[in-house]
Amino acid sequence: MTRSLAVVGKSLTRLGALEKVTGRSQYTGDLTLPGMLHAKILRSPHPHARIVSIDTCAAQALPGVAAVVTPRDVAPDTRLQPDRA
């Protein structure tokens, strides 16, 4: 290894460090875009409970609600799962 590539034991300049520690860095949570919507996830207070029905009428009636999405509205989880022997 050449000396110019050796970094072990040396200080490195952290890019953007000053912006981060002074609060001037902009993160995705700081962004606002035209027409931007916000999402809220409501979870069951009961671990491992089987949800048999969801009544979304009250949520849909709230002012400013663009959509209420339930598991039936999205594609099933298609990630590969290990098979049991």
N, C-alpha and C. Protein backbone atom coordinates (compact mmCIF):
# COMPACT_ATOMS: atom_id res chain seq x y z
N MET A 1 0.86 -1.18 0.00
CA MET A 1 0.00 0.00 0.00
C MET A 1 0.89 1.23 0.00
N THR A 2 0.52 2.19 -0.80
CA THR A 2 1.32 3.41 -0.84
C THR A 2 0.97 4.30 0.33
N ARG A 3 1.87 5.17 0.69
CA ARG A 3 1.65 6.08 1.82
C ARG A 3 0.46 7.01 1.59
N SER A 4 0.20 7.39 0.34
CA SER A 4 -0.88 8.33 0.06
C SER A 4 -2.26 7.72 0.32
N LEU A 5 -2.35 6.41 0.34
CA LEU A 5 -3.64 5.76 0.57
C LEU A 5 -3.85 5.34 2.02
N ALA A 6 -2.84 5.44 2.85
CA ALA A 6 -2.96 5.00 4.24
C ALA A 6 -3.76 6.01 5.04
N VAL A 7 -4.86 5.58 5.66
CA VAL A 7 -5.69 6.48 6.46
C VAL A 7 -5.81 6.02 7.91
N VAL A 8 -5.37 4.82 8.20
CA VAL A 8 -5.48 4.32 9.57
C VAL A 8 -4.63 5.17 10.49
N GLY A 9 -5.24 5.64 11.57
CA GLY A 9 -4.53 6.44 12.55
C GLY A 9 -4.45 7.91 12.21
N LYS A 10 -5.10 8.33 11.13
CA LYS A 10 -5.06 9.74 10.73
C LYS A 10 -6.45 10.37 10.86
N SER A 11 -6.47 11.65 11.13
CA SER A 11 -7.73 12.39 11.18
C SER A 11 -8.24 12.60 9.77
N LEU A 12 -9.54 12.49 9.61
CA LEU A 12 -10.15 12.73 8.31
C LEU A 12 -11.05 13.95 8.40
N THR A 13 -11.10 14.72 7.34
CA THR A 13 -12.00 15.85 7.29
C THR A 13 -13.41 15.33 7.05
N ARG A 14 -14.33 15.69 7.93
CA ARG A 14 -15.72 15.25 7.78
C ARG A 14 -16.47 16.29 6.95
N LEU A 15 -16.90 15.87 5.79
CA LEU A 15 -17.62 16.78 4.91
C LEU A 15 -18.99 17.09 5.50
N GLY A 16 -19.36 18.35 5.52
CA GLY A 16 -20.66 18.75 6.03
C GLY A 16 -20.75 18.80 7.54
N ALA A 17 -19.65 18.62 8.25
CA ALA A 17 -19.70 18.60 9.72
C ALA A 17 -20.17 19.92 10.29
N LEU A 18 -19.67 21.03 9.78
CA LEU A 18 -20.05 22.34 10.30
C LEU A 18 -21.55 22.58 10.12
N GLU A 19 -22.09 22.23 8.95
CA GLU A 19 -23.52 22.40 8.70
C GLU A 19 -24.35 21.54 9.65
N LYS A 20 -23.89 20.34 9.93
CA LYS A 20 -24.63 19.44 10.82
C LYS A 20 -24.65 19.95 12.25
N VAL A 21 -23.49 20.35 12.78
CA VAL A 21 -23.44 20.75 14.19
C VAL A 21 -24.04 22.13 14.44
N THR A 22 -24.19 22.93 13.39
CA THR A 22 -24.81 24.25 13.56
C THR A 22 -26.29 24.24 13.21
N GLY A 23 -26.81 23.08 12.77
CA GLY A 23 -28.23 22.97 12.45
C GLY A 23 -28.60 23.51 11.09
N ARG A 24 -27.61 23.80 10.26
CA ARG A 24 -27.90 24.33 8.92
C ARG A 24 -28.09 23.24 7.88
N SER A 25 -27.77 21.99 8.21
CA SER A 25 -27.96 20.89 7.26
C SER A 25 -29.44 20.68 7.02
N GLN A 26 -29.78 20.34 5.79
CA GLN A 26 -31.18 20.07 5.48
C GLN A 26 -31.34 18.57 5.26
N TYR A 27 -32.31 17.99 5.95
CA TYR A 27 -32.60 16.57 5.85
C TYR A 27 -33.94 16.38 5.16
N THR A 28 -34.24 15.16 4.76
CA THR A 28 -35.51 14.92 4.06
C THR A 28 -36.70 15.30 4.92
N GLY A 29 -36.59 15.18 6.22
CA GLY A 29 -37.68 15.58 7.11
C GLY A 29 -37.92 17.07 7.14
N ASP A 30 -36.96 17.84 6.64
CA ASP A 30 -37.09 19.30 6.59
C ASP A 30 -37.72 19.80 5.30
N LEU A 31 -37.87 18.92 4.33
CA LEU A 31 -38.35 19.33 3.01
C LEU A 31 -39.86 19.46 2.95
N THR A 32 -40.32 20.45 2.21
CA THR A 32 -41.74 20.62 1.92
C THR A 32 -41.86 20.80 0.41
N LEU A 33 -42.70 19.99 -0.21
CA LEU A 33 -42.87 20.05 -1.65
C LEU A 33 -44.31 20.40 -1.99
N PRO A 34 -44.55 21.01 -3.15
CA PRO A 34 -45.92 21.34 -3.54
C PRO A 34 -46.78 20.08 -3.62
N GLY A 35 -47.97 20.13 -3.05
CA GLY A 35 -48.88 18.99 -3.09
C GLY A 35 -48.49 17.85 -2.17
N MET A 36 -47.54 18.10 -1.29
CA MET A 36 -47.04 17.05 -0.40
C MET A 36 -48.10 16.61 0.60
N LEU A 37 -48.20 15.30 0.80
CA LEU A 37 -49.13 14.73 1.78
C LEU A 37 -48.33 14.12 2.92
N HIS A 38 -48.97 13.96 4.06
CA HIS A 38 -48.35 13.32 5.22
C HIS A 38 -49.10 12.04 5.52
N ALA A 39 -48.41 11.06 6.05
CA ALA A 39 -49.03 9.78 6.37
C ALA A 39 -48.97 9.52 7.87
N LYS A 40 -49.93 8.80 8.35
CA LYS A 40 -49.97 8.39 9.76
C LYS A 40 -50.28 6.90 9.78
N ILE A 41 -49.50 6.15 10.51
CA ILE A 41 -49.73 4.71 10.64
C ILE A 41 -50.37 4.45 11.99
N LEU A 42 -51.50 3.79 11.98
CA LEU A 42 -52.18 3.42 13.22
C LEU A 42 -51.96 1.94 13.45
N ARG A 43 -51.38 1.62 14.58
CA ARG A 43 -51.10 0.22 14.90
C ARG A 43 -52.03 -0.26 16.01
N SER A 44 -52.25 -1.55 16.02
CA SER A 44 -53.09 -2.15 17.05
C SER A 44 -52.37 -2.07 18.39
N PRO A 45 -53.09 -1.76 19.46
CA PRO A 45 -52.47 -1.76 20.78
C PRO A 45 -52.29 -3.17 21.34
N HIS A 46 -52.77 -4.16 20.60
CA HIS A 46 -52.71 -5.55 21.06
C HIS A 46 -51.71 -6.34 20.21
N PRO A 47 -50.59 -6.77 20.79
CA PRO A 47 -49.59 -7.51 20.02
C PRO A 47 -50.15 -8.82 19.47
N HIS A 48 -49.83 -9.13 18.24
CA HIS A 48 -50.20 -10.39 17.58
C HIS A 48 -51.70 -10.58 17.45
N ALA A 49 -52.47 -9.51 17.58
CA ALA A 49 -53.93 -9.63 17.45
C ALA A 49 -54.29 -9.82 15.98
N ARG A 50 -55.36 -10.53 15.75
CA ARG A 50 -55.87 -10.72 14.39
C ARG A 50 -56.95 -9.66 14.16
N ILE A 51 -56.73 -8.80 13.18
CA ILE A 51 -57.70 -7.75 12.87
C ILE A 51 -58.74 -8.35 11.93
N VAL A 52 -59.99 -8.35 12.36
CA VAL A 52 -61.05 -8.95 11.55
C VAL A 52 -61.78 -7.93 10.69
N SER A 53 -61.78 -6.66 11.11
CA SER A 53 -62.40 -5.63 10.28
C SER A 53 -61.85 -4.27 10.67
N ILE A 54 -61.93 -3.34 9.73
CA ILE A 54 -61.48 -1.98 9.98
C ILE A 54 -62.54 -1.03 9.43
N ASP A 55 -63.07 -0.16 10.29
CA ASP A 55 -64.05 0.83 9.86
C ASP A 55 -63.31 2.16 9.68
N THR A 56 -63.16 2.59 8.45
CA THR A 56 -62.40 3.80 8.15
C THR A 56 -63.28 5.02 7.92
N CYS A 57 -64.59 4.90 8.13
CA CYS A 57 -65.52 6.01 7.85
C CYS A 57 -65.16 7.28 8.62
N ALA A 58 -64.87 7.16 9.91
CA ALA A 58 -64.56 8.35 10.71
C ALA A 58 -63.29 9.03 10.22
N ALA A 59 -62.29 8.25 9.87
CA ALA A 59 -61.03 8.82 9.37
C ALA A 59 -61.24 9.50 8.02
N GLN A 60 -62.01 8.88 7.15
CA GLN A 60 -62.25 9.45 5.82
C GLN A 60 -63.06 10.74 5.89
N ALA A 61 -63.86 10.90 6.94
CA ALA A 61 -64.70 12.09 7.09
C ALA A 61 -63.94 13.30 7.63
N LEU A 62 -62.73 13.11 8.13
CA LEU A 62 -61.95 14.22 8.69
C LEU A 62 -61.53 15.19 7.58
N PRO A 63 -61.53 16.49 7.87
CA PRO A 63 -61.11 17.45 6.85
C PRO A 63 -59.63 17.28 6.50
N GLY A 64 -59.34 17.36 5.22
CA GLY A 64 -57.96 17.26 4.76
C GLY A 64 -57.46 15.86 4.50
N VAL A 65 -58.25 14.84 4.80
CA VAL A 65 -57.83 13.46 4.57
C VAL A 65 -57.94 13.16 3.08
N ALA A 66 -56.83 12.77 2.47
CA ALA A 66 -56.80 12.47 1.04
C ALA A 66 -57.13 11.00 0.78
N ALA A 67 -56.71 10.12 1.69
CA ALA A 67 -56.95 8.69 1.51
C ALA A 67 -56.75 7.96 2.82
N VAL A 68 -57.44 6.86 2.96
CA VAL A 68 -57.22 5.94 4.08
C VAL A 68 -56.86 4.61 3.44
N VAL A 69 -55.69 4.09 3.77
CA VAL A 69 -55.19 2.88 3.15
C VAL A 69 -55.11 1.78 4.20
N THR A 70 -55.66 0.62 3.88
CA THR A 70 -55.59 -0.53 4.78
C THR A 70 -54.79 -1.63 4.08
N PRO A 71 -54.44 -2.69 4.78
CA PRO A 71 -53.68 -3.78 4.14
C PRO A 71 -54.37 -4.35 2.90
N ARG A 72 -55.69 -4.29 2.83
CA ARG A 72 -56.40 -4.81 1.66
C ARG A 72 -56.16 -3.94 0.42
N ASP A 73 -55.70 -2.71 0.63
CA ASP A 73 -55.48 -1.78 -0.48
C ASP A 73 -54.08 -1.88 -1.09
N VAL A 74 -53.20 -2.63 -0.48
CA VAL A 74 -51.83 -2.72 -0.97
C VAL A 74 -51.51 -4.15 -1.40
N ALA A 75 -50.47 -4.30 -2.18
CA ALA A 75 -50.06 -5.62 -2.65
C ALA A 75 -49.58 -6.47 -1.48
N PRO A 76 -49.76 -7.77 -1.58
CA PRO A 76 -49.26 -8.64 -0.50
C PRO A 76 -47.75 -8.61 -0.42
N ASP A 77 -47.23 -8.98 0.72
CA ASP A 77 -45.79 -9.03 0.94
C ASP A 77 -45.23 -10.16 0.09
N THR A 78 -44.39 -9.82 -0.86
CA THR A 78 -43.86 -10.84 -1.77
C THR A 78 -42.39 -11.17 -1.49
N ARG A 79 -41.89 -10.71 -0.35
CA ARG A 79 -40.50 -11.05 -0.02
C ARG A 79 -40.37 -12.56 0.16
N LEU A 80 -39.23 -13.08 -0.19
CA LEU A 80 -39.00 -14.51 -0.02
C LEU A 80 -38.94 -14.84 1.46
N GLN A 81 -39.58 -15.91 1.81
CA GLN A 81 -39.58 -16.39 3.19
C GLN A 81 -38.94 -17.77 3.22
N PRO A 82 -38.24 -18.10 4.28
CA PRO A 82 -37.64 -19.44 4.36
C PRO A 82 -38.73 -20.50 4.46
N ASP A 83 -38.49 -21.64 3.83
CA ASP A 83 -39.43 -22.76 3.91
C ASP A 83 -39.17 -23.55 5.17
N ARG A 84 -40.23 -24.07 5.75
CA ARG A 84 -40.07 -24.95 6.91
C ARG A 84 -39.83 -26.37 6.41
N ALA A 85 -38.95 -27.06 7.08
CA ALA A 85 -38.65 -28.44 6.68
C ALA A 85 -39.71 -29.38 7.18
